[in-house]
């Protein structure tokens, strides 16, 4: 039973590594592989310290204006 908890915690750290790598415009697969080899917590800390790479900026979703029609 304990092994399942360890696997779930490990998976959560790998998912966090994936999300941080994407937000920093880094290659998520490579960072997740590094997390599997070394430790996802150490890789996550290293990724958090690194600066964001210049790359494609994701366009923010435009909010649609809701027009109120008077009756």
N, C-alpha and C. Protein backbone atom coordinates (compact mmCIF):
# COMPACT_ATOMS: atom_id res chain seq x y z
N UNK A 1 0.82 -1.20 0.00
CA UNK A 1 0.00 0.00 0.00
C UNK A 1 0.86 1.26 0.00
N UNK A 2 1.97 1.23 0.72
CA UNK A 2 2.83 2.41 0.79
C UNK A 2 3.45 2.75 -0.56
N UNK A 3 3.70 1.71 -1.35
CA UNK A 3 4.31 1.93 -2.65
C UNK A 3 3.39 2.74 -3.57
N UNK A 4 2.08 2.55 -3.44
CA UNK A 4 1.14 3.33 -4.25
C UNK A 4 1.16 4.79 -3.87
N UNK A 5 1.28 5.07 -2.59
CA UNK A 5 1.36 6.46 -2.13
C UNK A 5 2.64 7.10 -2.66
N UNK A 6 3.74 6.38 -2.62
CA UNK A 6 5.01 6.91 -3.12
C UNK A 6 4.91 7.18 -4.62
N UNK A 7 4.30 6.28 -5.37
CA UNK A 7 4.15 6.46 -6.81
C UNK A 7 3.27 7.67 -7.11
N UNK A 8 2.20 7.85 -6.35
CA UNK A 8 1.31 8.99 -6.56
C UNK A 8 2.04 10.30 -6.26
N UNK A 9 2.79 10.36 -5.18
CA UNK A 9 3.54 11.57 -4.83
C UNK A 9 4.59 11.86 -5.91
N UNK A 10 5.27 10.83 -6.38
CA UNK A 10 6.27 10.98 -7.43
C UNK A 10 5.62 11.52 -8.71
N UNK A 11 4.44 10.98 -9.04
CA UNK A 11 3.72 11.44 -10.23
C UNK A 11 3.29 12.89 -10.10
N UNK A 12 2.88 13.29 -8.90
CA UNK A 12 2.48 14.69 -8.69
C UNK A 12 3.67 15.62 -8.89
N UNK A 13 4.84 15.23 -8.37
CA UNK A 13 6.03 16.06 -8.58
C UNK A 13 6.43 16.10 -10.05
N UNK A 14 6.29 15.01 -10.76
CA UNK A 14 6.60 15.01 -12.19
C UNK A 14 5.62 15.88 -12.97
N UNK A 15 4.35 15.86 -12.58
CA UNK A 15 3.37 16.72 -13.24
C UNK A 15 3.67 18.20 -12.97
N UNK A 16 4.07 18.51 -11.75
CA UNK A 16 4.46 19.89 -11.43
C UNK A 16 5.67 20.30 -12.25
N UNK A 17 6.62 19.40 -12.42
CA UNK A 17 7.79 19.67 -13.26
C UNK A 17 7.36 19.95 -14.70
N UNK A 18 6.43 19.16 -15.20
CA UNK A 18 5.89 19.35 -16.54
C UNK A 18 5.27 20.74 -16.70
N UNK A 19 4.44 21.15 -15.74
CA UNK A 19 3.76 22.45 -15.83
C UNK A 19 4.75 23.61 -15.72
N UNK A 20 5.73 23.51 -14.84
CA UNK A 20 6.72 24.59 -14.69
C UNK A 20 7.58 24.67 -15.94
N UNK A 21 7.95 23.53 -16.52
CA UNK A 21 8.77 23.54 -17.74
C UNK A 21 8.01 24.22 -18.88
N UNK A 22 6.74 23.95 -19.00
CA UNK A 22 5.95 24.60 -20.05
C UNK A 22 5.86 26.10 -19.80
N UNK A 23 5.66 26.49 -18.55
CA UNK A 23 5.53 27.92 -18.25
C UNK A 23 6.83 28.68 -18.48
N UNK A 24 7.97 27.98 -18.41
CA UNK A 24 9.28 28.61 -18.63
C UNK A 24 9.77 28.43 -20.06
N UNK A 25 8.92 27.94 -20.96
CA UNK A 25 9.26 27.67 -22.37
C UNK A 25 10.44 26.72 -22.49
N UNK A 26 10.46 25.71 -21.67
CA UNK A 26 11.50 24.67 -21.72
C UNK A 26 10.88 23.37 -22.22
N UNK A 27 11.72 22.42 -22.59
CA UNK A 27 11.25 21.13 -23.10
C UNK A 27 10.77 20.26 -21.93
N UNK A 28 9.45 20.03 -21.81
CA UNK A 28 8.94 19.31 -20.65
C UNK A 28 9.37 17.84 -20.58
N UNK A 29 9.49 17.18 -21.73
CA UNK A 29 9.86 15.76 -21.72
C UNK A 29 11.27 15.57 -21.17
N UNK A 30 12.17 16.43 -21.55
CA UNK A 30 13.54 16.34 -21.06
C UNK A 30 13.64 16.59 -19.57
N UNK A 31 12.89 17.55 -19.09
CA UNK A 31 12.91 17.86 -17.66
C UNK A 31 12.24 16.76 -16.85
N UNK A 32 11.20 16.14 -17.40
CA UNK A 32 10.57 15.03 -16.69
C UNK A 32 11.51 13.82 -16.66
N UNK A 33 12.25 13.59 -17.74
CA UNK A 33 13.22 12.50 -17.76
C UNK A 33 14.32 12.76 -16.73
N UNK A 34 14.77 14.00 -16.66
CA UNK A 34 15.77 14.35 -15.64
C UNK A 34 15.21 14.13 -14.24
N UNK A 35 13.93 14.43 -14.06
CA UNK A 35 13.29 14.20 -12.77
C UNK A 35 13.21 12.73 -12.42
N UNK A 36 12.99 11.89 -13.43
CA UNK A 36 12.96 10.44 -13.18
C UNK A 36 14.35 9.92 -12.79
N UNK A 37 15.39 10.46 -13.44
CA UNK A 37 16.74 9.98 -13.20
C UNK A 37 17.28 10.52 -11.87
N UNK A 38 17.15 11.81 -11.65
CA UNK A 38 17.73 12.44 -10.46
C UNK A 38 16.71 12.40 -9.32
N UNK A 39 15.86 13.39 -9.32
CA UNK A 39 14.81 13.51 -8.32
C UNK A 39 13.87 14.61 -8.81
N UNK A 40 12.57 14.37 -8.83
CA UNK A 40 11.68 15.41 -9.33
C UNK A 40 11.70 16.67 -8.47
N UNK A 41 11.95 16.54 -7.20
CA UNK A 41 11.98 17.71 -6.32
C UNK A 41 13.18 18.60 -6.64
N UNK A 42 14.34 18.00 -6.83
CA UNK A 42 15.55 18.76 -7.17
C UNK A 42 15.39 19.43 -8.53
N UNK A 43 14.87 18.70 -9.51
CA UNK A 43 14.67 19.25 -10.85
C UNK A 43 13.65 20.38 -10.80
N UNK A 44 12.62 20.23 -10.01
CA UNK A 44 11.59 21.27 -9.88
C UNK A 44 12.18 22.54 -9.28
N UNK A 45 13.04 22.41 -8.30
CA UNK A 45 13.69 23.59 -7.70
C UNK A 45 14.60 24.26 -8.71
N UNK A 46 15.39 23.47 -9.46
CA UNK A 46 16.27 24.03 -10.48
C UNK A 46 15.46 24.77 -11.54
N UNK A 47 14.37 24.17 -11.98
CA UNK A 47 13.52 24.79 -13.00
C UNK A 47 12.89 26.08 -12.49
N UNK A 48 12.50 26.09 -11.23
CA UNK A 48 11.86 27.28 -10.66
C UNK A 48 12.84 28.45 -10.59
N UNK A 49 14.12 28.15 -10.39
CA UNK A 49 15.13 29.20 -10.29
C UNK A 49 15.49 29.76 -11.67
N UNK A 50 15.42 28.94 -12.71
CA UNK A 50 15.82 29.35 -14.05
C UNK A 50 14.89 30.43 -14.61
N UNK A 51 15.46 31.25 -15.48
CA UNK A 51 14.67 32.30 -16.13
C UNK A 51 13.87 31.70 -17.28
N UNK A 52 12.81 32.42 -17.63
CA UNK A 52 11.97 31.99 -18.74
C UNK A 52 12.69 32.26 -20.06
N UNK A 53 12.65 31.28 -20.95
CA UNK A 53 13.23 31.46 -22.28
C UNK A 53 12.30 32.27 -23.15
N UNK A 54 12.88 33.11 -24.02
CA UNK A 54 12.00 33.82 -24.95
C UNK A 54 11.38 32.82 -25.92
N UNK A 55 10.15 33.02 -26.21
CA UNK A 55 9.47 32.10 -27.12
C UNK A 55 8.10 32.63 -27.43
N UNK A 56 7.27 31.73 -27.87
CA UNK A 56 5.92 32.13 -28.24
C UNK A 56 5.14 32.53 -27.00
N UNK A 57 4.54 33.67 -27.08
CA UNK A 57 3.66 34.13 -26.01
C UNK A 57 2.27 33.61 -26.31
N UNK A 58 1.66 33.05 -25.32
CA UNK A 58 0.31 32.55 -25.50
C UNK A 58 -0.66 33.73 -25.46
N UNK A 59 -1.49 33.85 -26.47
CA UNK A 59 -2.45 34.96 -26.46
C UNK A 59 -3.47 34.76 -25.35
N UNK A 60 -3.72 35.85 -24.65
CA UNK A 60 -4.71 35.77 -23.59
C UNK A 60 -6.09 35.70 -24.20
N UNK A 61 -6.95 34.96 -23.55
CA UNK A 61 -8.31 34.82 -24.05
C UNK A 61 -9.03 36.15 -23.93
N UNK A 62 -9.66 36.55 -25.02
CA UNK A 62 -10.39 37.81 -25.00
C UNK A 62 -11.77 37.58 -24.41
N UNK A 63 -12.13 38.47 -23.52
CA UNK A 63 -13.45 38.35 -22.93
C UNK A 63 -14.47 39.01 -23.85
N UNK A 64 -15.55 38.32 -24.03
CA UNK A 64 -16.61 38.87 -24.87
C UNK A 64 -17.46 39.80 -24.02
N UNK A 65 -17.79 40.93 -24.62
CA UNK A 65 -18.64 41.87 -23.92
C UNK A 65 -20.09 41.39 -24.00
N UNK A 66 -20.72 41.43 -22.87
CA UNK A 66 -22.13 41.03 -22.83
C UNK A 66 -22.93 42.32 -22.90
N UNK A 67 -23.68 42.44 -23.96
CA UNK A 67 -24.48 43.65 -24.12
C UNK A 67 -25.84 43.43 -23.49
N UNK A 68 -26.24 44.44 -22.75
CA UNK A 68 -27.56 44.37 -22.12
C UNK A 68 -28.56 45.07 -23.03
N UNK A 69 -29.56 44.34 -23.43
CA UNK A 69 -30.58 44.93 -24.27
C UNK A 69 -31.73 45.39 -23.39
N UNK A 70 -32.10 46.65 -23.56
CA UNK A 70 -33.22 47.15 -22.77
C UNK A 70 -34.53 46.76 -23.41
N UNK A 71 -35.44 46.38 -22.57
CA UNK A 71 -36.74 45.90 -23.08
C UNK A 71 -37.78 46.94 -22.86
